[in-house]
Protein backbone atom coordinates (compact mmCIF):
# COMPACT_ATOMS: atom_id res chain seq x y z
CA MET A 1 -40.72 -8.19 -11.96
CA SER A 2 -39.95 -9.53 -8.76
CA THR A 3 -40.93 -13.05 -7.83
CA PRO A 4 -41.99 -14.37 -4.56
CA ASP A 5 -39.11 -15.97 -2.33
CA ASP A 6 -39.49 -19.39 -0.62
CA ASP A 7 -41.21 -17.80 2.29
CA GLY A 8 -43.74 -15.82 0.33
CA ALA A 9 -41.92 -12.43 0.47
CA PRO A 10 -41.52 -10.56 -2.68
CA ALA A 11 -37.94 -10.94 -3.68
CA PRO A 12 -35.71 -7.71 -4.50
CA HIS A 13 -35.61 -6.46 -7.98
CA TRP A 14 -32.85 -7.62 -10.15
CA ARG A 15 -30.77 -4.55 -11.51
CA ARG A 16 -28.58 -4.01 -14.39
CA LEU A 17 -25.35 -2.13 -14.89
CA ASP A 18 -25.43 1.52 -16.26
CA PRO A 19 -25.72 1.11 -20.15
CA ARG A 20 -22.99 3.55 -20.53
CA THR A 21 -20.60 0.96 -19.65
CA VAL A 22 -20.59 -0.20 -23.20
CA LEU A 23 -19.47 3.48 -24.16
CA VAL A 24 -16.59 3.17 -21.95
CA THR A 25 -15.22 -0.11 -23.23
CA ALA A 26 -15.68 1.40 -26.93
CA LEU A 27 -13.78 4.51 -25.91
CA VAL A 28 -11.02 2.66 -24.08
CA VAL A 29 -10.53 0.15 -27.16
CA ALA A 30 -10.55 3.21 -29.46
CA GLY A 31 -7.77 4.88 -27.57
CA VAL A 32 -5.77 1.83 -27.74
CA VAL A 33 -6.27 1.26 -31.44
CA ALA A 34 -5.61 4.96 -31.95
CA GLY A 35 -2.20 4.33 -30.40
CA ALA A 36 -1.43 1.31 -32.42
CA ALA A 37 -2.66 2.97 -35.55
CA VAL A 38 0.31 5.17 -36.18
CA PRO A 39 3.14 2.50 -36.09
CA ALA A 40 0.67 -0.04 -38.01
CA THR A 41 -0.04 2.79 -40.94
CA LEU A 42 3.64 3.72 -41.18
CA GLY A 43 4.49 -0.04 -41.48
CA LEU A 44 1.93 -0.65 -44.21
CA ALA A 45 2.61 2.34 -46.10
CA SER A 46 6.09 1.18 -47.31
CA ARG A 47 4.31 -1.64 -49.16
CA LEU A 48 0.71 -0.26 -50.17
CA GLY A 49 1.26 3.47 -50.10
CA LEU A 50 0.01 5.85 -47.43
CA PRO A 51 -3.67 6.37 -48.32
CA PRO A 52 -4.40 2.75 -48.90
CA ALA A 53 -2.40 1.82 -45.66
CA ALA A 54 -4.47 4.41 -43.87
CA LEU A 55 -7.83 3.11 -44.97
CA TRP A 56 -6.97 -0.42 -44.20
CA VAL A 57 -5.90 0.54 -40.70
CA LEU A 58 -9.01 2.60 -40.18
CA ALA A 59 -11.20 -0.26 -41.32
CA GLY A 60 -9.41 -2.65 -38.98
CA GLY A 61 -9.74 -0.04 -36.01
CA VAL A 62 -13.52 0.34 -36.53
CA LEU A 63 -13.85 -3.54 -36.74
CA VAL A 64 -11.99 -4.02 -33.54
CA VAL A 65 -13.88 -1.13 -31.74
CA GLY A 66 -17.22 -2.73 -32.97
CA VAL A 67 -16.45 -6.24 -31.70
CA ALA A 68 -15.37 -5.01 -28.37
CA ALA A 69 -18.33 -2.82 -27.89
CA GLY A 70 -20.65 -5.67 -29.09
CA ALA A 71 -19.17 -8.21 -26.81
CA ASP A 72 -19.51 -5.92 -23.96
CA ARG A 73 -23.09 -5.16 -24.84
CA VAL A 74 -23.76 -8.84 -24.56
CA ARG A 75 -22.03 -8.82 -21.15
CA TRP A 76 -23.94 -5.84 -19.91
CA HIS A 77 -27.24 -7.93 -21.00
CA ARG A 78 -26.08 -10.82 -19.21
CA THR A 79 -25.18 -9.26 -15.90
CA ARG A 80 -27.56 -8.34 -13.33
CA TYR A 81 -27.18 -7.76 -9.51
CA ARG A 82 -29.52 -7.53 -6.51
CA ILE A 83 -29.36 -6.64 -2.84
CA GLY A 84 -31.66 -8.81 -0.76
CA GLU A 85 -32.37 -8.94 2.87
CA GLU A 86 -29.63 -11.42 3.64
CA ARG A 87 -27.48 -11.86 0.44
CA VAL A 88 -25.94 -9.83 -2.39
CA ASP A 89 -26.25 -11.63 -5.77
CA LEU A 90 -24.40 -11.08 -9.03
CA HIS A 91 -24.80 -13.17 -12.19
CA THR A 92 -22.97 -12.52 -15.09
CA GLY A 93 -20.92 -14.40 -17.95
CA LEU A 94 -21.05 -14.94 -21.95
CA VAL A 95 -20.31 -18.47 -22.53
CA LEU A 96 -19.76 -19.58 -18.81
CA VAL A 97 -22.38 -18.00 -16.50
CA LYS A 98 -21.28 -17.17 -13.05
CA ARG A 99 -23.62 -16.89 -10.35
CA ARG A 100 -21.93 -15.31 -7.17
CA SER A 101 -23.41 -14.44 -3.63
CA LEU A 102 -22.19 -12.82 -0.51
CA ALA A 103 -23.85 -12.84 2.89
CA ARG A 104 -24.74 -9.14 3.87
CA GLU A 105 -23.68 -9.81 7.41
CA ARG A 106 -20.08 -10.71 6.33
CA ILE A 107 -19.75 -7.59 4.10
CA ARG A 108 -16.93 -5.52 5.27
CA THR A 109 -15.70 -3.07 2.46
CA VAL A 110 -17.95 -1.11 0.08
CA ASP A 111 -15.32 0.72 -1.95
CA LEU A 112 -16.14 3.22 -4.92
CA THR A 113 -13.46 4.16 -7.69
CA ALA A 114 -13.64 6.14 -10.81
CA ASN A 115 -11.03 6.90 -13.29
CA LEU A 116 -11.11 10.15 -15.22
CA LEU A 117 -13.26 8.60 -18.12
CA LEU A 118 -15.76 7.12 -15.73
CA ARG A 119 -15.86 10.49 -13.88
CA LEU A 120 -16.76 12.44 -17.04
CA LEU A 121 -19.64 10.19 -17.57
CA GLY A 122 -20.79 10.27 -13.84
CA LEU A 123 -20.09 6.50 -13.24
CA VAL A 124 -18.19 4.32 -10.49
CA THR A 125 -16.81 0.95 -10.10
CA VAL A 126 -18.26 -0.60 -6.75
CA ARG A 127 -16.21 -3.18 -4.90
CA ILE A 128 -18.06 -4.99 -2.39
CA GLY A 129 -15.95 -7.32 -0.04
CA THR A 130 -15.74 -9.56 2.82
CA GLY A 131 -12.22 -8.87 3.71
CA GLU A 132 -11.29 -12.63 3.16
CA HIS A 133 -8.72 -14.05 1.11
CA GLY A 134 -9.60 -15.25 -2.46
CA ASN A 135 -11.69 -13.89 -5.69
CA ASP A 136 -14.91 -15.50 -4.02
CA SER A 137 -14.80 -12.80 -1.42
CA THR A 138 -15.13 -9.78 -3.57
CA LEU A 139 -18.08 -8.62 -6.04
CA GLU A 140 -17.24 -6.00 -8.47
CA LEU A 141 -19.96 -3.98 -10.27
CA GLU A 142 -18.36 -2.20 -13.34
CA SER A 143 -19.95 0.38 -13.71
CA VAL A 144 -22.86 1.94 -12.29
CA SER A 145 -24.16 5.72 -11.76
CA ARG A 146 -22.55 7.63 -9.13
CA ALA A 147 -25.81 7.99 -7.38
CA GLU A 148 -26.21 4.15 -7.37
CA GLY A 149 -22.79 3.63 -5.98
CA GLU A 150 -23.54 5.97 -3.11
CA ARG A 151 -26.74 4.11 -2.38
CA LEU A 152 -25.19 0.71 -2.45
CA ARG A 153 -22.39 1.90 0.05
CA ARG A 154 -25.09 3.31 2.33
CA LEU A 155 -27.37 0.56 2.21
CA LEU A 156 -24.60 -2.17 2.63
CA LEU A 157 -22.95 -0.61 5.47
CA GLU A 158 -26.23 0.37 7.32
CA ARG A 159 -25.98 -2.47 9.68
CA ALA A 160 -22.93 -0.86 11.27
CA ARG A 161 -24.57 2.41 12.04
CA THR A 162 -25.12 2.03 15.90
CA PRO A 163 -24.23 4.51 18.44
CA SER A 164 -20.45 4.66 18.94
CA PRO A 165 -19.16 5.29 22.44
CA GLY A 166 -16.29 7.94 22.96
CA VAL A 167 -15.77 11.66 23.29
CA HIS A 168 -14.25 12.18 19.86
CA ARG A 169 -16.20 14.06 17.30
CA GLU A 170 -17.82 12.64 14.25
CA GLY A 171 -17.59 14.28 10.95
CA GLU A 172 -14.37 15.55 9.55
CA LEU A 173 -11.21 14.17 11.12
CA ALA A 174 -8.46 15.45 8.64
CA VAL A 175 -8.60 17.36 5.26
CA LEU A 176 -5.96 17.96 2.54
CA ASP A 177 -3.20 20.84 3.38
CA PRO A 178 -1.36 21.69 0.09
CA ARG A 179 1.65 22.35 2.15
CA TRP A 180 1.71 18.67 2.71
CA ILE A 181 3.18 18.37 -0.91
CA ARG A 182 6.68 19.51 0.37
CA TYR A 183 7.14 15.78 1.68
CA ALA A 184 6.54 14.18 -1.63
CA PRO A 185 10.18 14.88 -3.22
CA VAL A 186 11.90 13.22 -0.28
CA SER A 187 9.94 9.88 -0.45
CA PHE A 188 11.46 6.68 -1.95
CA VAL A 189 9.18 7.44 -5.09
CA ALA A 190 11.21 10.10 -6.36
CA PRO A 191 14.32 8.18 -7.26
CA MET A 192 12.47 5.30 -8.56
CA LEU A 193 10.43 7.59 -10.80
CA GLY A 194 13.77 9.29 -12.02
CA GLY A 195 15.13 5.87 -12.95
CA ALA A 196 12.05 4.79 -14.66
CA ALA A 197 11.94 8.13 -16.78
CA ALA A 198 15.45 7.47 -18.01
CA GLY A 199 14.58 3.91 -18.97
CA ALA A 200 11.34 5.22 -20.55
CA VAL A 201 13.34 7.73 -22.82
CA MET A 202 15.73 4.73 -24.00
CA GLN A 203 12.86 2.36 -24.44
CA VAL A 204 10.85 5.12 -26.53
CA SER A 205 13.83 5.84 -28.66
CA GLU A 206 14.40 2.17 -29.44
CA TRP A 207 10.85 1.84 -30.48
CA VAL A 208 11.13 4.59 -33.16
CA GLY A 209 14.46 3.39 -34.11
CA ALA A 210 16.45 6.49 -32.68
CA GLN A 211 18.21 5.03 -29.64
CA GLY A 212 21.65 5.61 -31.18
CA GLU A 213 20.91 9.23 -31.93
CA VAL A 214 19.66 9.75 -28.36
CA ILE A 215 22.99 8.27 -26.95
CA ALA A 216 24.98 10.26 -29.49
CA TRP A 217 23.37 13.41 -28.60
CA VAL A 218 24.14 12.87 -24.99
CA GLY A 219 27.64 12.11 -25.57
CA ASP A 220 27.89 15.36 -27.71
CA ARG A 221 26.64 17.43 -24.58
CA PHE A 222 29.27 15.91 -22.45
CA ARG A 223 32.08 15.46 -24.73
CA GLN A 224 34.66 17.70 -23.06
CA THR A 225 33.15 16.99 -19.50
CA PRO A 226 35.22 14.61 -17.13
CA LEU A 227 33.49 11.25 -16.56
CA LEU A 228 32.85 11.82 -12.78
CA TRP A 229 30.67 15.10 -13.54
CA THR A 230 29.02 13.35 -16.29
CA VAL A 231 27.82 10.93 -14.08
CA VAL A 232 26.91 13.42 -11.58
CA ALA A 233 24.81 15.56 -14.11
CA LEU A 234 22.96 12.64 -15.22
CA VAL A 235 22.09 11.43 -11.73
CA VAL A 236 20.91 15.03 -10.98
CA ALA A 237 18.91 15.01 -14.14
CA ALA A 238 17.33 11.82 -13.16
CA LEU A 239 16.43 13.07 -9.64
CA VAL A 240 15.04 16.44 -10.98
CA ALA A 241 12.61 14.06 -13.20
CA GLY A 242 12.00 11.99 -10.29
CA VAL A 243 10.98 14.83 -7.90
CA VAL A 244 8.74 16.35 -10.66
CA GLY A 245 6.99 12.96 -11.14
CA ALA A 246 6.64 12.47 -7.32
CA LEU A 247 5.07 15.73 -7.05
CA GLY A 248 2.62 14.78 -10.05
CA PHE A 249 2.02 11.28 -8.38
CA TRP A 250 1.20 12.86 -5.10
CA ILE A 251 -1.30 15.18 -6.52
CA GLU A 252 -2.98 12.48 -8.35
CA MET A 253 -3.12 10.32 -5.39
CA TRP A 254 -4.19 12.77 -2.59
CA TRP A 255 -6.11 15.77 -4.08
CA ASN A 256 -9.35 16.35 -2.68
CA TYR A 257 -8.40 13.98 0.31
CA ARG A 258 -10.73 13.94 3.27
CA LEU A 259 -10.95 11.65 6.16
CA GLU A 260 -14.42 11.51 7.85
CA ARG A 261 -16.21 9.40 10.62
CA GLU A 262 -19.66 8.71 9.66
CA PRO A 263 -22.48 8.27 12.01
CA GLY A 264 -22.47 4.93 13.49
CA GLY A 265 -18.70 4.29 13.56
CA THR A 266 -17.42 4.33 9.74
CA LEU A 267 -14.15 5.84 8.76
CA ARG A 268 -14.32 7.13 5.01
CA VAL A 269 -11.30 8.28 3.15
CA ARG A 270 -11.86 10.16 -0.08
CA ARG A 271 -9.04 11.07 -2.34
CA GLY A 272 -7.78 11.39 -5.93
CA LEU A 273 -7.53 13.91 -8.83
CA PHE A 274 -8.16 12.11 -12.01
CA THR A 275 -9.12 8.65 -10.46
CA SER A 276 -11.21 9.26 -7.42
CA ARG A 277 -11.38 6.81 -4.66
CA SER A 278 -13.79 6.30 -1.66
CA ILE A 279 -12.83 3.85 0.98
CA SER A 280 -14.82 2.95 4.07
CA VAL A 281 -13.59 1.14 7.33
CA GLU A 282 -15.77 0.09 9.85
CA GLU A 283 -14.39 0.95 13.16
CA ALA A 284 -15.74 -2.42 14.55
CA ARG A 285 -12.96 -4.15 12.59
CA LEU A 286 -10.23 -1.60 13.34
CA ARG A 287 -7.46 -3.02 15.57
CA GLY A 288 -5.05 -0.35 15.69
CA VAL A 289 -2.76 2.11 13.45
CA ASP A 290 0.56 2.01 12.12
CA LEU A 291 2.50 5.27 12.11
CA VAL A 292 5.02 4.80 9.15
CA GLU A 293 8.20 7.00 8.88
CA PRO A 294 10.41 6.40 5.88
CA LEU A 295 13.85 7.82 6.47
CA GLY A 296 13.49 10.79 4.05
CA VAL A 297 10.24 12.02 5.53
CA ARG A 298 11.40 11.25 8.98
CA LEU A 299 14.39 13.66 8.89
CA LEU A 300 11.82 16.28 8.23
CA GLY A 301 9.71 15.38 11.28
CA ALA A 302 6.79 13.68 9.24
CA ALA A 303 5.00 10.51 9.12
CA ARG A 304 1.82 8.67 7.58
CA LEU A 305 -0.95 6.71 9.28
CA ASP A 306 -2.08 3.37 8.15
CA ALA A 307 -5.07 1.49 9.52
CA ILE A 308 -4.51 -2.05 11.01
CA THR A 309 -8.01 -3.61 10.36
CA THR A 310 -9.41 -7.07 9.61
CA GLY A 311 -10.95 -7.60 6.16
CA LEU A 312 -9.18 -5.16 4.06
CA ALA A 313 -9.03 -6.41 0.47
CA GLN A 314 -5.99 -8.48 -0.31
CA ASP A 315 -5.88 -8.69 -3.90
CA HIS A 316 -3.16 -7.02 -6.21
CA GLU A 317 -5.24 -3.95 -7.08
CA ALA A 318 -6.17 -3.08 -3.42
CA ARG A 319 -2.70 -3.25 -2.33
CA ASN A 320 -1.56 -0.89 -4.98
CA ALA A 321 -4.33 1.48 -4.28
CA ASP A 322 -2.95 1.95 -0.49
CA HIS A 323 -6.50 0.76 0.83
CA ASN A 324 -5.14 0.84 4.23
CA THR A 325 -3.67 4.47 4.56
CA LEU A 326 -5.62 6.82 6.43
CA LEU A 327 -3.40 9.83 6.23
CA PRO A 328 -0.80 10.71 3.90
CA VAL A 329 2.60 12.01 4.93
CA VAL A 330 2.12 14.82 7.40
CA PRO A 331 4.08 16.68 10.12
CA ARG A 332 4.34 14.19 13.10
CA THR A 333 2.25 15.97 15.53
CA ARG A 334 -0.58 16.06 13.09
CA ALA A 335 -0.36 12.30 12.55
CA ASP A 336 -0.37 11.67 16.33
CA ALA A 337 -3.39 13.86 16.75
CA VAL A 338 -5.14 12.01 14.05
CA ALA A 339 -4.25 8.64 15.31
CA ALA A 340 -5.87 9.66 18.57
CA ASP A 341 -9.05 10.68 16.96
CA VAL A 342 -9.29 7.50 14.77
CA LEU A 343 -8.53 5.34 17.86
CA ARG A 344 -10.91 7.50 20.31
CA GLU A 345 -8.04 8.07 22.64
CA THR A 346 -7.31 11.22 24.55
CA ASP A 347 -3.69 10.58 24.36
CA THR A 348 -2.17 8.88 21.49
CA PRO A 349 -0.58 5.60 21.86
CA THR A 350 1.83 6.54 18.98
CA GLY A 351 3.44 9.03 21.25
CA ALA A 352 3.64 6.57 24.17
CA ALA A 353 7.20 6.42 26.09
CA LEU A 354 8.79 3.23 24.80
CA THR A 355 10.95 0.68 26.81
CA PRO A 356 14.61 0.73 25.26
CA HIS A 357 16.17 -2.61 24.20
CA PRO A 358 19.37 -3.78 25.59
CA ARG A 359 22.78 -2.64 24.38
CA ALA A 360 23.24 -6.14 22.94
CA ALA A 361 20.70 -5.20 20.19
CA GLN A 362 22.86 -2.40 19.07
CA GLY A 363 25.87 -4.73 18.60
CA ARG A 364 23.71 -7.10 16.57
CA ARG A 365 22.62 -4.32 14.26
CA LEU A 366 26.34 -2.95 13.78
CA ARG A 367 27.51 -6.66 12.62
CA TRP A 368 24.53 -7.10 10.30
CA SER A 369 25.07 -3.64 8.77
CA LEU A 370 28.76 -3.89 8.42
CA ALA A 371 28.45 -7.31 7.01
CA ALA A 372 26.03 -6.07 4.30
CA ALA A 373 28.32 -2.99 3.61
CA LEU A 374 31.63 -5.01 3.45
CA GLY A 375 30.28 -8.05 1.71
CA PRO A 376 30.53 -6.21 -1.88
CA VAL A 377 33.89 -4.58 -0.88
CA LEU A 378 35.52 -7.92 -0.34
CA VAL A 379 34.28 -9.45 -3.57
CA LEU A 380 35.45 -6.39 -5.49
CA THR A 381 38.89 -6.48 -3.50
CA LEU A 382 39.18 -10.31 -4.48
CA LEU A 383 38.35 -9.53 -8.27
CA GLY A 384 40.75 -6.53 -8.25
CA ALA A 385 43.45 -8.86 -7.05
CA LEU A 386 42.91 -11.23 -9.87
CA LEU A 387 42.04 -9.24 -12.87
CA THR A 388 42.49 -5.40 -12.63
CA PRO A 389 43.68 -2.94 -10.09
CA VAL A 390 40.74 -0.46 -11.08
CA LEU A 391 38.59 -2.79 -8.84
CA LEU A 392 40.58 -2.24 -6.18
CA TRP A 393 40.07 1.46 -6.39
CA ILE A 394 36.32 0.97 -6.66
CA ALA A 395 36.31 -1.20 -3.56
CA LEU A 396 38.31 1.52 -1.66
CA GLY A 397 35.71 4.06 -2.65
CA CYS A 398 32.74 1.85 -1.81
CA ALA A 399 34.34 1.21 1.62
CA VAL A 400 34.89 4.88 2.39
CA VAL A 401 31.27 5.71 1.50
CA ALA A 402 29.53 2.39 2.83
CA VAL A 403 31.11 1.81 6.07
CA PRO A 404 30.23 4.92 7.78
CA LEU A 405 26.64 4.93 6.13
CA ALA A 406 26.25 1.38 7.48
CA VAL A 407 27.24 2.53 11.14
CA VAL A 408 24.94 5.54 11.18
CA LEU A 409 22.04 3.40 9.82
CA ALA A 410 22.57 0.59 12.56
CA LEU A 411 22.73 3.16 15.32
CA ASP A 412 19.52 4.72 14.12
CA ALA A 413 17.98 1.20 13.71
CA TYR A 414 18.94 0.62 17.44
CA ARG A 415 17.60 4.00 18.70
CA GLY A 416 14.25 3.27 16.91
CA LEU A 417 13.66 -0.15 18.92
CA GLY A 418 11.03 -0.13 21.57
CA HIS A 419 8.03 -1.58 22.92
CA ALA A 420 5.23 -0.39 25.58
CA LEU A 421 1.74 -1.05 26.90
CA SER A 422 -0.54 2.18 26.48
CA GLY A 423 -3.86 1.68 27.91
CA ARG A 424 -5.67 -1.00 25.63
CA TYR A 425 -3.02 -1.21 23.05
CA LEU A 426 0.48 -2.76 22.70
CA VAL A 427 3.01 -0.74 20.74
CA THR A 428 6.05 -1.94 19.04
CA ARG A 429 8.56 0.19 16.99
CA SER A 430 11.48 -0.82 14.77
CA GLY A 431 12.97 -0.07 11.28
CA THR A 432 15.55 2.65 10.03
CA LEU A 433 14.84 3.01 6.35
CA ARG A 434 11.07 2.29 7.07
CA ARG A 435 10.37 2.98 10.77
CA SER A 436 7.04 1.55 11.85
CA THR A 437 5.31 2.22 15.24
CA ALA A 438 2.60 -0.34 15.42
CA VAL A 439 -0.20 0.23 17.73
CA LEU A 440 -2.35 -2.93 18.06
CA GLU A 441 -5.44 -3.41 20.25
CA ARG A 442 -4.57 -6.07 23.03
CA THR A 443 -7.81 -7.87 22.28
CA GLY A 444 -6.77 -8.42 18.82
CA VAL A 445 -3.91 -10.67 19.69
CA ILE A 446 -4.54 -14.04 18.97
CA GLY A 447 -1.21 -15.68 19.70
CA TRP A 448 2.65 -14.92 20.22
CA THR A 449 5.63 -16.42 18.70
CA VAL A 450 8.98 -16.36 20.65
CA ARG A 451 12.21 -16.66 18.55
CA GLN A 452 15.43 -17.10 20.07
CA SER A 453 18.58 -17.74 17.84
CA VAL A 454 21.86 -19.29 19.54
CA PHE A 455 23.55 -15.72 19.32
CA GLN A 456 20.44 -14.15 20.98
CA ARG A 457 20.42 -16.65 23.61
CA ARG A 458 24.10 -15.96 24.45
CA ALA A 459 23.28 -12.22 24.48
CA GLY A 460 20.07 -12.62 26.68
CA LEU A 461 17.81 -11.44 23.74
CA LEU A 462 14.73 -12.78 22.02
CA SER A 463 12.26 -11.50 19.47
CA ILE A 464 8.52 -11.74 20.38
CA THR A 465 5.80 -11.37 17.75
CA ALA A 466 2.13 -10.98 18.45
CA THR A 467 0.00 -12.43 15.94
CA THR A 468 -3.37 -11.10 14.67
CA ALA A 469 -6.01 -11.43 12.26
CA ALA A 470 -5.64 -7.84 11.25
CA GLY A 471 -3.30 -5.70 9.15
CA GLY A 472 0.21 -7.48 8.20
CA GLY A 473 -0.72 -10.30 10.69
CA ALA A 474 2.51 -10.13 12.91
CA TYR A 475 3.90 -7.38 14.90
CA THR A 476 7.29 -7.96 16.41
CA ALA A 477 9.46 -6.56 19.41
CA TYR A 478 12.82 -7.40 18.05
CA ASP A 479 15.75 -8.14 20.30
CA THR A 480 14.06 -7.36 23.75
CA ASP A 481 15.64 -8.58 27.00
CA ALA A 482 14.55 -12.17 27.44
CA SER A 483 12.92 -11.63 30.66
CA GLU A 484 11.41 -8.19 29.63
CA GLY A 485 9.94 -9.35 26.53
CA LEU A 486 8.05 -12.28 28.03
CA ALA A 487 6.85 -10.18 30.78
CA PHE A 488 5.69 -7.56 28.16
CA ALA A 489 3.72 -10.35 26.23
CA ALA A 490 2.26 -11.88 29.45
CA GLU A 491 1.15 -8.47 30.59
CA ALA A 492 -0.22 -7.39 27.33
CA VAL A 493 -2.60 -10.42 26.91
CA PRO A 494 -3.12 -12.17 30.39
CA GLY A 495 -3.59 -15.74 30.42
CA LEU A 496 -2.34 -16.28 26.70
CA LEU A 497 1.20 -16.99 27.31
CA GLU A 498 1.47 -18.17 30.81
CA PRO A 499 0.97 -21.89 30.05
CA PHE A 500 4.31 -21.88 28.35
CA LEU A 501 6.35 -19.97 31.00
CA GLU A 502 7.99 -21.21 33.87
CA ARG A 503 8.64 -18.65 36.70
CA SER A 504 12.07 -18.80 38.59
CA PRO A 505 11.49 -19.04 42.57
CA GLU A 506 13.91 -16.07 43.03
CA THR A 507 12.32 -13.72 40.58
CA ALA A 508 8.65 -14.71 40.63
CA PRO A 509 6.46 -13.16 39.51
CA LYS A 510 8.34 -10.39 37.73
CA ARG A 511 10.76 -12.32 35.37
CA PRO A 512 9.14 -15.39 33.28
CA THR A 513 11.71 -17.46 31.53
CA SER A 514 10.90 -19.61 28.49
CA ARG A 515 10.46 -23.33 29.31
CA ALA A 516 12.56 -24.07 26.07
CA GLY A 517 15.30 -21.97 27.65
């Protein structure tokens, strides 16, 4: 029953989590127990015999599942929540009772997540957050029915539902195109998954005591094959496994993808095959977008789109779930169009013409890249001179491959540099292995950081960083012309940088210079 508040108004009802959360815990623990049962049974069978060992393991497994389900039943009984007019309250705990409360006006995210088991049972996990750092900024309800999760999401974001200006449509902004899967194999995920697959094979074979047999089997397959071709074959096999894994990972992450603008100005991303995710972003806290082009997909003319917002969850799980990604890797033209729709702009700022940076910036990148490439070569050369000529040949091979690659990457990094002002946004672009075009609302800039090393000062360059409470917190125009960079910052946010600038009488008002020199 509800009880009156201090002002005499009836208090909102306390609600409990869905009772099926106990079943979820029991099934998860049962799966873990089943996985451990086989090696445990085999280990005990050598001492007790197979039937007694199986019975003991079965009894132990039932006991573990029962204890886990019982403890979760107590947790469920002790957990309750309520949505009041001004606050959201959550009380939980077994021995140590926790009472947590969030002000509704500070709530910025209400995300729904459901793994395969929860989806089969019609349940979701609701994560309510204020977007601030720390564990006290998030409440998690694990688990409630899907209908209750949708009700909570609508209720807690209802305050944002006010008419939003702009000519861009509401409703669906982007929906999954299965052809986008062609970009999955060229992402950095593929080689990582290939290496992980090879490591997993060796680890599992060690667990079952067959690692030696696996190595011997691979050796037999390549006994008559030269070492170079053996290495090539193993690398190709790992890459094939990585490509297959990348395709599967993409399907799991982005199947059923849909980006929508809901009435009142809330962007909602829904995606996931086995684990469904629903992420809501209020446009009121959107400060821009980041067009990300990893090298592999950029060569195919594609990019992904991330949101630059205040109040995204900062915990480990949220970062791994790509909470800020609005659009997966798609053709660049499509990414530009969605960026314009998201920002309610006629012309997308991600396609704005950028001011190129001086040639001196190219020289800096060439020196950095060549130093990184030649460092290992010099080490191998020194060791080869002291130990064995084999290392000298390895150093030569590394130099032949690494030096041209370093030059190409350095030149590409220089071509990617640029900055511009586009309407109410400032734009910065940098990077080569991961090129980023950040579009940041000028009103979202809260400060500037100007960096100029001794070498930059001699070359007439500086790096200027826009600091903001959104996204990564800092967006930098690297190695700009000193006067151009300061003028860019002064024009982007008038009045913010002027107190720290001096204007030369000969060039005023166009060429401000740093007072620090």
